[in-house]
Each structure stands twice: as C-alpha cells, then as structure tokens.
C-alpha atoms as a PDB file:
ATOM      1  CA  MET A   1     109.901  89.403 125.376  1.00  0.00           C
ATOM      2  CA  ASP A   2     108.174  89.978 122.075  1.00  0.00           C
ATOM      3  CA  TYR A   3     109.185  88.086 118.742  1.00  0.00           C
ATOM      4  CA  THR A   4     111.529  90.737 117.503  1.00  0.00           C
ATOM      5  CA  GLU A   5     114.063  90.372 120.441  1.00  0.00           C
ATOM      6  CA  HIS A   6     113.535  86.444 120.514  1.00  0.00           C
ATOM      7  CA  VAL A   7     113.886  85.871 116.744  1.00  0.00           C
ATOM      8  CA  ALA A   8     116.693  88.402 116.390  1.00  0.00           C
ATOM      9  CA  ARG A   9     118.827  86.591 119.039  1.00  0.00           C
ATOM     10  CA  ASN A  10     118.171  83.230 117.366  1.00  0.00           C
ATOM     11  CA  LEU A  11     119.004  84.446 113.882  1.00  0.00           C
ATOM     12  CA  THR A  12     122.135  85.756 114.858  1.00  0.00           C
ATOM     13  CA  GLN A  13     123.176  82.564 116.459  1.00  0.00           C
ATOM     14  CA  VAL A  14     121.866  80.439 113.525  1.00  0.00           C
ATOM     15  CA  LYS A  15     123.600  82.736 110.790  1.00  0.00           C
ATOM     16  CA  ASP A  16     126.717  82.688 113.047  1.00  0.00           C
ATOM     17  CA  ARG A  17     126.648  78.739 112.939  1.00  0.00           C
ATOM     18  CA  ILE A  18     126.183  78.531 109.421  1.00  0.00           C
ATOM     19  CA  ALA A  19     129.261  80.936 108.681  1.00  0.00           C
ATOM     20  CA  GLU A  20     131.408  78.782 111.062  1.00  0.00           C
ATOM     21  CA  ALA A  21     130.278  75.636 109.171  1.00  0.00           C
ATOM     22  CA  ALA A  22     130.785  76.957 105.580  1.00  0.00           C
ATOM     23  CA  LEU A  23     134.299  78.264 106.686  1.00  0.00           C
ATOM     24  CA  ARG A  24     135.350  74.770 108.312  1.00  0.00           C
ATOM     25  CA  ALA A  25     134.590  73.239 104.879  1.00  0.00           C
ATOM     26  CA  GLY A  26     136.361  75.840 102.958  1.00  0.00           C
ATOM     27  CA  ARG A  27     133.144  77.425 101.706  1.00  0.00           C
ATOM     28  CA  THR A  28     131.955  81.138 101.587  1.00  0.00           C
ATOM     29  CA  PRO A  29     128.917  81.524 103.983  1.00  0.00           C
ATOM     30  CA  ALA A  30     127.241  83.720 101.461  1.00  0.00           C
ATOM     31  CA  ASP A  31     126.830  80.462  99.230  1.00  0.00           C
ATOM     32  CA  VAL A  32     124.379  79.203 101.837  1.00  0.00           C
ATOM     33  CA  GLN A  33     120.814  80.477 101.903  1.00  0.00           C
ATOM     34  CA  LEU A  34     118.884  80.320 105.229  1.00  0.00           C
ATOM     35  CA  VAL A  35     115.150  79.501 104.691  1.00  0.00           C
ATOM     36  CA  ALA A  36     113.475  80.388 108.098  1.00  0.00           C
ATOM     37  CA  VAL A  37     110.624  77.844 108.413  1.00  0.00           C
ATOM     38  CA  SER A  38     107.749  79.582 109.865  1.00  0.00           C
ATOM     39  CA  LYS A  39     105.227  76.696 109.791  1.00  0.00           C
ATOM     40  CA  THR A  40     102.571  76.973 112.708  1.00  0.00           C
ATOM     41  CA  HIS A  41     104.025  80.331 113.895  1.00  0.00           C
ATOM     42  CA  PRO A  42     102.060  83.505 112.916  1.00  0.00           C
ATOM     43  CA  ALA A  43     102.778  86.379 110.455  1.00  0.00           C
ATOM     44  CA  GLU A  44     103.932  88.449 113.543  1.00  0.00           C
ATOM     45  CA  ALA A  45     107.057  85.998 113.802  1.00  0.00           C
ATOM     46  CA  VAL A  46     107.852  86.368 110.195  1.00  0.00           C
ATOM     47  CA  LEU A  47     107.611  90.088 110.323  1.00  0.00           C
ATOM     48  CA  ALA A  48     109.893  89.931 113.271  1.00  0.00           C
ATOM     49  CA  ALA A  49     112.494  87.891 111.411  1.00  0.00           C
ATOM     50  CA  TRP A  50     111.878  90.349 108.169  1.00  0.00           C
ATOM     51  CA  GLU A  51     112.681  93.154 110.510  1.00  0.00           C
ATOM     52  CA  CYS A  52     116.151  91.432 111.388  1.00  0.00           C
ATOM     53  CA  GLY A  53     117.092  91.004 107.524  1.00  0.00           C
ATOM     54  CA  GLN A  54     115.570  87.704 106.878  1.00  0.00           C
ATOM     55  CA  ARG A  55     114.213  87.372 103.107  1.00  0.00           C
ATOM     56  CA  HIS A  56     113.575  83.640 102.606  1.00  0.00           C
ATOM     57  CA  PHE A  57     110.681  81.880 104.329  1.00  0.00           C
ATOM     58  CA  GLY A  58     109.509  78.224 104.145  1.00  0.00           C
ATOM     59  CA  GLU A  59     106.115  76.648 104.773  1.00  0.00           C
ATOM     60  CA  ASN A  60     105.092  73.053 104.917  1.00  0.00           C
ATOM     61  CA  ARG A  61     101.287  73.305 104.043  1.00  0.00           C
ATOM     62  CA  PRO A  62      99.977  75.110 101.193  1.00  0.00           C
ATOM     63  CA  GLU A  63      96.820  76.034 102.797  1.00  0.00           C
ATOM     64  CA  GLU A  64      98.787  77.818 105.734  1.00  0.00           C
ATOM     65  CA  GLY A  65     100.797  79.911 102.996  1.00  0.00           C
ATOM     66  CA  LYS A  66      97.539  80.864 101.562  1.00  0.00           C
ATOM     67  CA  SER A  67      96.403  82.342 104.817  1.00  0.00           C
ATOM     68  CA  LYS A  68      99.733  83.821 105.961  1.00  0.00           C
ATOM     69  CA  ILE A  69     101.482  85.001 103.028  1.00  0.00           C
ATOM     70  CA  PRO A  70      98.940  87.786 102.078  1.00  0.00           C
ATOM     71  CA  VAL A  71      99.081  88.953 105.790  1.00  0.00           C
ATOM     72  CA  VAL A  72     102.769  89.309 105.535  1.00  0.00           C
ATOM     73  CA  ALA A  73     102.370  91.089 102.109  1.00  0.00           C
ATOM     74  CA  GLN A  74      99.715  93.485 103.322  1.00  0.00           C
ATOM     75  CA  ALA A  75     101.789  94.474 106.569  1.00  0.00           C
ATOM     76  CA  LEU A  76     105.002  95.064 104.321  1.00  0.00           C
ATOM     77  CA  GLU A  77     102.720  97.468 102.049  1.00  0.00           C
ATOM     78  CA  GLU A  78     104.558  98.576  98.762  1.00  0.00           C
ATOM     79  CA  GLY A  79     107.996  97.521  99.550  1.00  0.00           C
ATOM     80  CA  PRO A  80     109.968  94.230  98.552  1.00  0.00           C
ATOM     81  CA  LYS A  81     108.427  90.980  99.836  1.00  0.00           C
ATOM     82  CA  PRO A  82     109.728  87.699 101.284  1.00  0.00           C
ATOM     83  CA  ILE A  83     110.637  84.963  98.964  1.00  0.00           C
ATOM     84  CA  TRP A  84     108.488  81.827  99.881  1.00  0.00           C
ATOM     85  CA  HIS A  85     109.557  78.377  99.726  1.00  0.00           C
ATOM     86  CA  MET A  86     106.992  75.370  99.884  1.00  0.00           C
ATOM     87  CA  ILE A  87     109.144  72.651 101.462  1.00  0.00           C
ATOM     88  CA  GLY A  88     106.457  70.086 102.518  1.00  0.00           C
ATOM     89  CA  THR A  89     104.843  67.307 100.505  1.00  0.00           C
ATOM     90  CA  VAL A  90     102.300  68.584  98.079  1.00  0.00           C
ATOM     91  CA  GLN A  91      99.149  66.967  96.896  1.00  0.00           C
ATOM     92  CA  ARG A  92      98.230  67.379  93.373  1.00  0.00           C
ATOM     93  CA  ARG A  93      95.022  68.966  94.187  1.00  0.00           C
ATOM     94  CA  LYS A  94      96.910  71.679  96.061  1.00  0.00           C
ATOM     95  CA  ALA A  95      99.142  72.603  93.090  1.00  0.00           C
ATOM     96  CA  ASN A  96      97.261  75.821  92.220  1.00  0.00           C
ATOM     97  CA  LEU A  97      98.050  76.929  95.946  1.00  0.00           C
ATOM     98  CA  VAL A  98     101.712  76.233  95.578  1.00  0.00           C
ATOM     99  CA  VAL A  99     101.808  78.389  91.976  1.00  0.00           C
ATOM    100  CA  ALA A 100      99.584  81.180  93.499  1.00  0.00           C
ATOM    101  CA  TYR A 101     101.501  81.791  96.792  1.00  0.00           C
ATOM    102  CA  PHE A 102     105.219  80.076  96.553  1.00  0.00           C
ATOM    103  CA  ASP A 103     108.389  81.269  94.738  1.00  0.00           C
ATOM    104  CA  ARG A 104     109.825  77.907  94.722  1.00  0.00           C
ATOM    105  CA  VAL A 105     108.969  74.294  95.662  1.00  0.00           C
ATOM    106  CA  HIS A 106     111.534  71.907  97.180  1.00  0.00           C
ATOM    107  CA  SER A 107     109.319  68.823  97.167  1.00  0.00           C
ATOM    108  CA  ILE A 108     108.837  67.335  93.571  1.00  0.00           C
ATOM    109  CA  ASP A 109     108.527  63.694  94.557  1.00  0.00           C
ATOM    110  CA  ARG A 110     106.638  62.252  91.520  1.00  0.00           C
ATOM    111  CA  LEU A 111     106.129  62.861  87.844  1.00  0.00           C
ATOM    112  CA  SER A 112     102.332  63.274  88.245  1.00  0.00           C
ATOM    113  CA  LEU A 113     102.946  66.310  90.623  1.00  0.00           C
ATOM    114  CA  ALA A 114     105.510  67.797  88.237  1.00  0.00           C
ATOM    115  CA  VAL A 115     103.182  67.771  85.377  1.00  0.00           C
ATOM    116  CA  LYS A 116     100.244  69.324  87.429  1.00  0.00           C
ATOM    117  CA  LEU A 117     102.367  72.097  88.644  1.00  0.00           C
ATOM    118  CA  ASN A 118     103.725  72.756  85.102  1.00  0.00           C
ATOM    119  CA  LYS A 119     100.160  72.924  83.783  1.00  0.00           C
ATOM    120  CA  VAL A 120      99.009  75.541  86.470  1.00  0.00           C
ATOM    121  CA  ALA A 121     102.084  77.518  86.182  1.00  0.00           C
ATOM    122  CA  ALA A 122     101.446  77.470  82.484  1.00  0.00           C
ATOM    123  CA  GLY A 123      97.965  78.918  83.038  1.00  0.00           C
ATOM    124  CA  ALA A 124      99.435  81.580  85.536  1.00  0.00           C
ATOM    125  CA  GLN A 125     101.964  82.435  82.899  1.00  0.00           C
ATOM    126  CA  ARG A 126     105.037  81.799  85.156  1.00  0.00           C
ATOM    127  CA  THR A 127     108.005  79.490  85.471  1.00  0.00           C
ATOM    128  CA  LEU A 128     108.173  77.815  88.819  1.00  0.00           C
ATOM    129  CA  PRO A 129     111.647  77.089  90.426  1.00  0.00           C
ATOM    130  CA  ALA A 130     111.885  73.563  91.733  1.00  0.00           C
ATOM    131  CA  LEU A 131     113.863  70.995  93.556  1.00  0.00           C
ATOM    132  CA  ILE A 132     113.624  67.239  93.157  1.00  0.00           C
ATOM    133  CA  GLU A 133     113.103  65.730  96.725  1.00  0.00           C
ATOM    134  CA  CYS A 134     115.151  62.354  96.921  1.00  0.00           C
ATOM    135  CA  ASN A 135     114.937  59.879  99.916  1.00  0.00           C
ATOM    136  CA  VAL A 136     118.581  58.831  99.928  1.00  0.00           C
ATOM    137  CA  SER A 137     118.372  57.597 103.548  1.00  0.00           C
ATOM    138  CA  GLY A 138     116.008  54.934 102.989  1.00  0.00           C
ATOM    139  CA  GLU A 139     113.666  55.747 105.805  1.00  0.00           C
ATOM    140  CA  ALA A 140     110.151  54.514 105.021  1.00  0.00           C
ATOM    141  CA  SER A 141     108.574  57.778 106.790  1.00  0.00           C
ATOM    142  CA  LYS A 142     110.568  59.901 104.244  1.00  0.00           C
ATOM    143  CA  SER A 143     109.020  61.246 101.173  1.00  0.00           C
ATOM    144  CA  GLY A 144     110.849  61.488  97.874  1.00  0.00           C
ATOM    145  CA  TYR A 145     112.302  59.421  95.039  1.00  0.00           C
ATOM    146  CA  ALA A 146     113.562  56.154  96.651  1.00  0.00           C
ATOM    147  CA  LEU A 147     117.266  56.476  96.046  1.00  0.00           C
ATOM    148  CA  SER A 148     118.889  54.854  99.220  1.00  0.00           C
ATOM    149  CA  ASN A 149     121.041  52.599  97.012  1.00  0.00           C
ATOM    150  CA  TRP A 150     121.490  54.660  93.898  1.00  0.00           C
ATOM    151  CA  GLU A 151     125.341  54.610  93.916  1.00  0.00           C
ATOM    152  CA  HIS A 152     125.396  50.780  93.631  1.00  0.00           C
ATOM    153  CA  ASP A 153     122.108  50.021  91.793  1.00  0.00           C
ATOM    154  CA  THR A 154     122.359  50.621  88.014  1.00  0.00           C
ATOM    155  CA  THR A 155     118.884  49.910  87.559  1.00  0.00           C
ATOM    156  CA  LEU A 156     117.589  52.198  89.940  1.00  0.00           C
ATOM    157  CA  ARG A 157     119.952  55.090  89.004  1.00  0.00           C
ATOM    158  CA  GLU A 158     119.042  54.739  85.291  1.00  0.00           C
ATOM    159  CA  LYS A 159     115.108  54.697  86.247  1.00  0.00           C
ATOM    160  CA  PHE A 160     115.550  57.932  88.118  1.00  0.00           C
ATOM    161  CA  PHE A 161     117.663  59.588  85.353  1.00  0.00           C
ATOM    162  CA  LYS A 162     114.801  58.726  83.128  1.00  0.00           C
ATOM    163  CA  GLU A 163     112.410  60.363  85.322  1.00  0.00           C
ATOM    164  CA  VAL A 164     114.704  63.494  85.605  1.00  0.00           C
ATOM    165  CA  THR A 165     114.679  63.613  81.741  1.00  0.00           C
ATOM    166  CA  ALA A 166     110.903  63.876  82.008  1.00  0.00           C
ATOM    167  CA  LEU A 167     111.115  66.679  84.659  1.00  0.00           C
ATOM    168  CA  LEU A 168     113.328  68.685  82.794  1.00  0.00           C
ATOM    169  CA  SER A 169     111.226  68.642  79.771  1.00  0.00           C
ATOM    170  CA  LEU A 170     108.373  70.519  81.468  1.00  0.00           C
ATOM    171  CA  PRO A 171     108.862  73.922  80.223  1.00  0.00           C
ATOM    172  CA  HIS A 172     107.035  75.954  83.040  1.00  0.00           C
ATOM    173  CA  LEU A 173     109.050  74.230  85.945  1.00  0.00           C
ATOM    174  CA  GLN A 174     112.868  75.281  86.245  1.00  0.00           C
ATOM    175  CA  ILE A 175     114.611  72.204  88.020  1.00  0.00           C
ATOM    176  CA  GLU A 176     117.322  73.938  90.159  1.00  0.00           C
ATOM    177  CA  GLY A 177     118.625  70.955  92.278  1.00  0.00           C
ATOM    178  CA  LEU A 178     117.627  68.332  94.876  1.00  0.00           C
ATOM    179  CA  MET A 179     116.285  68.310  98.411  1.00  0.00           C
ATOM    180  CA  THR A 180     116.431  65.538 101.007  1.00  0.00           C
ATOM    181  CA  MET A 181     115.509  64.947 104.816  1.00  0.00           C
ATOM    182  CA  ALA A 182     117.992  63.077 106.944  1.00  0.00           C
ATOM    183  CA  PRO A 183     116.722  60.634 109.699  1.00  0.00           C
ATOM    184  CA  ILE A 184     116.060  62.471 113.099  1.00  0.00           C
ATOM    185  CA  THR A 185     119.143  61.387 115.303  1.00  0.00           C
ATOM    186  CA  ASP A 186     120.717  62.459 118.671  1.00  0.00           C
ATOM    187  CA  ASP A 187     124.126  62.477 116.871  1.00  0.00           C
ATOM    188  CA  PRO A 188     124.373  64.686 113.827  1.00  0.00           C
ATOM    189  CA  GLU A 189     127.651  63.050 112.660  1.00  0.00           C
ATOM    190  CA  THR A 190     125.454  59.917 111.915  1.00  0.00           C
ATOM    191  CA  VAL A 191     123.490  61.707 109.134  1.00  0.00           C
ATOM    192  CA  ARG A 192     126.586  63.047 107.390  1.00  0.00           C
ATOM    193  CA  PRO A 193     126.579  60.030 104.706  1.00  0.00           C
ATOM    194  CA  VAL A 194     123.024  61.011 103.711  1.00  0.00           C
ATOM    195  CA  PHE A 195     124.009  64.569 102.872  1.00  0.00           C
ATOM    196  CA  ALA A 196     127.262  63.147 101.218  1.00  0.00           C
ATOM    197  CA  SER A 197     124.945  61.019  99.263  1.00  0.00           C
ATOM    198  CA  LEU A 198     122.724  63.597  97.922  1.00  0.00           C
ATOM    199  CA  ARG A 199     125.933  65.763  97.005  1.00  0.00           C
ATOM    200  CA  ASN A 200     127.238  62.963  95.118  1.00  0.00           C
ATOM    201  CA  LEU A 201     123.972  62.399  93.368  1.00  0.00           C
ATOM    202  CA  SER A 202     123.898  66.098  92.453  1.00  0.00           C
ATOM    203  CA  ASN A 203     127.411  65.596  90.887  1.00  0.00           C
ATOM    204  CA  ALA A 204     125.972  62.603  88.874  1.00  0.00           C
ATOM    205  CA  LEU A 205     123.292  64.616  87.707  1.00  0.00           C
ATOM    206  CA  LYS A 206     125.658  67.476  86.553  1.00  0.00           C
ATOM    207  CA  GLU A 207     127.544  64.811  84.358  1.00  0.00           C
ATOM    208  CA  ARG A 208     124.342  63.293  83.051  1.00  0.00           C
ATOM    209  CA  PHE A 209     122.543  66.537  82.317  1.00  0.00           C
ATOM    210  CA  PRO A 210     125.359  69.033  81.480  1.00  0.00           C
ATOM    211  CA  ASP A 211     122.835  71.636  80.188  1.00  0.00           C
ATOM    212  CA  THR A 212     121.242  72.078  83.432  1.00  0.00           C
ATOM    213  CA  ALA A 213     123.123  73.868  86.127  1.00  0.00           C
ATOM    214  CA  TRP A 214     121.885  72.097  89.356  1.00  0.00           C
ATOM    215  CA  PRO A 215     122.814  74.854  91.688  1.00  0.00           C
ATOM    216  CA  HIS A 216     121.032  73.987  94.672  1.00  0.00           C
ATOM    217  CA  LEU A 217     121.004  71.592  97.684  1.00  0.00           C
ATOM    218  CA  SER A 218     118.436  71.863  99.891  1.00  0.00           C
ATOM    219  CA  MET A 219     119.424  69.886 103.320  1.00  0.00           C
ATOM    220  CA  GLY A 220     119.636  70.374 106.801  1.00  0.00           C
ATOM    221  CA  MET A 221     117.316  71.556 109.550  1.00  0.00           C
ATOM    222  CA  THR A 222     117.710  72.504 113.067  1.00  0.00           C
ATOM    223  CA  ASP A 223     119.314  69.473 114.344  1.00  0.00           C
ATOM    224  CA  ASP A 224     121.631  68.859 111.506  1.00  0.00           C
ATOM    225  CA  PHE A 225     122.282  71.948 109.431  1.00  0.00           C
ATOM    226  CA  GLU A 226     125.854  72.373 110.217  1.00  0.00           C
ATOM    227  CA  ILE A 227     126.867  68.887 109.014  1.00  0.00           C
ATOM    228  CA  ALA A 228     124.583  69.535 105.820  1.00  0.00           C
ATOM    229  CA  VAL A 229     126.591  73.023 105.214  1.00  0.00           C
ATOM    230  CA  GLU A 230     129.865  71.004 105.631  1.00  0.00           C
ATOM    231  CA  GLU A 231     128.614  68.526 103.001  1.00  0.00           C
ATOM    232  CA  GLY A 232     127.511  71.276 100.432  1.00  0.00           C
ATOM    233  CA  ALA A 233     123.996  72.642 101.359  1.00  0.00           C
ATOM    234  CA  THR A 234     123.053  75.709  99.608  1.00  0.00           C
ATOM    235  CA  LEU A 235     119.701  76.055 101.261  1.00  0.00           C
ATOM    236  CA  VAL A 236     119.121  75.096 105.049  1.00  0.00           C
ATOM    237  CA  ARG A 237     115.478  74.859 106.274  1.00  0.00           C
ATOM    238  CA  ILE A 238     115.559  75.874 109.829  1.00  0.00           C
ATOM    239  CA  GLY A 239     112.403  76.733 112.174  1.00  0.00           C
ATOM    240  CA  ARG A 240     112.641  75.562 115.773  1.00  0.00           C
ATOM    241  CA  ALA A 241     116.213  77.148 116.190  1.00  0.00           C
ATOM    242  CA  ILE A 242     114.778  80.463 115.066  1.00  0.00           C
ATOM    243  CA  PHE A 243     111.174  80.698 116.076  1.00  0.00           C
ATOM    244  CA  GLY A 244     110.968  78.096 118.832  1.00  0.00           C
ATOM    245  CA  LYS A 245     108.805  75.067 118.858  1.00  0.00           C
ATOM    246  CA  ARG A 246     105.560  74.572 116.855  1.00  0.00           C
ATOM    247  CA  GLY A 247     103.163  77.128 117.922  1.00  0.00           C
ATOM    248  CA  GLN A 248     105.310  78.259 120.630  1.00  0.00           C
ATOM    249  CA  ARG A 249     105.311  81.945 121.561  1.00  0.00           C
ATOM    250  CA  PRO A 250     108.359  83.679 123.167  1.00  0.00           C
END
C-alpha cells in the first residue's frame, strides 16, 4: 500500500465524520475546513492528500515547514499550491520562517510574538492571517492566553480584551478568530465544555469588537474533532486519522 491509497481512504472517512457531526449540529458541512496536519510525515504524504483533493495542511514546527513546503511546491510545478497553516507554538526568533512559508498562523499566544510577526510581515509587504490561541481548559501543559475562568473573572476578561485591542491594532496581522487545544482524554464528551467555552468567548469578542468579523474557531483534533464540530469549529486540525502515527509509513 502506498500513501495514495492509505490517505485517500482515511480522508474519505474523516470528511464523512465531519459532515455527519456538522449535520447533527444543524450546520452546513462546507462551513468546516479540514486542515490535514502533516507534521513528521514527508512531502510524499502531502502530495498524496493533494491528489485526493485536500488543500489545507498544517505543520507544528516552522523549520519543518521550511524544508517540506518548497518540495511540495516544486512537485506541483506551476499549478495551485496548498494553503499552509502554522499550528504549533512559535518562537519569536522563528517569526521570519512563519511569514516566509505559511499562509495562516493559529498560535498567537502573546503580544510580543504578534508584534514581531507584524514587523516581519510588514517587511515582506504582506498581511498574515492569524488566530489567537486561548487556554480555556486550564491545563498547565497547554500554551495560549490563560483564560480558564474567563466567564466568571471580570479582571481576567478585561485584561484579555485589552490585549486583543493591541493585537487588532497591528496592521500586518489579520486577526480572524481563536484557537484552542483540549485535554487528551479517553472520553471525547468530557472536552465539550472546553469547546463551548471557546465558542462563547468568540461570541463575547464579537460583541466587544463588532468591527472585527471573528469568523474562525480552530479546535478539534483526531480524538475529539466531532465534538468540536458540534460546538462550532470552523477549522479542525487532524493528523493521525489521515496520515497515521507520527513518522509511520503506510
């Protein structure tokens, strides 16, 4: 079995599950964008998914994107190219790689990073679409703005809104929504409140900052994406269910 057969089968199954989850929630399946997370998998796997119609791909490490993205682009020659999402934590010193190789970043978790990305994007004469990463679960191991009790903590909420005001003022970043990572669990239902909290935070931001559209919620991975879709995800980041375990070939 080569990557094409393996990935084609898995993509079909994942897309069917996304569609079913969307319909259960009264949503249109087309409103949910699948981001195929290709971290640790070779360009060959990305190209197999591309041949199956997948267009959005995610990477966790800027340097892996630097080595993989040009290989994929070269293989596709003059035609359309994938849309690349940086979904992992970004160090400020690697901001130049994100701006150079990626179309969207999901993990704005501090103002200093946003300022650096804005500066690099200005130098590249582009605007970088971005999502604000929010830790609404309270897990110490998770990155993002600490917002586990935002609904009930007025001081915390106002502090975050002040930060958002600063983020929205950066002219070369286009803030499009929020991202979160839920706790790893054997029962996906237990993370439903995490996704609901992020959706509610998005609604609060829409009310507080009505001039910003806030179209995206990036939430849900292989073990919990159906719950995320039911709770309003517009971007789901799925790797293992498509490509297999990290570094695993079919």
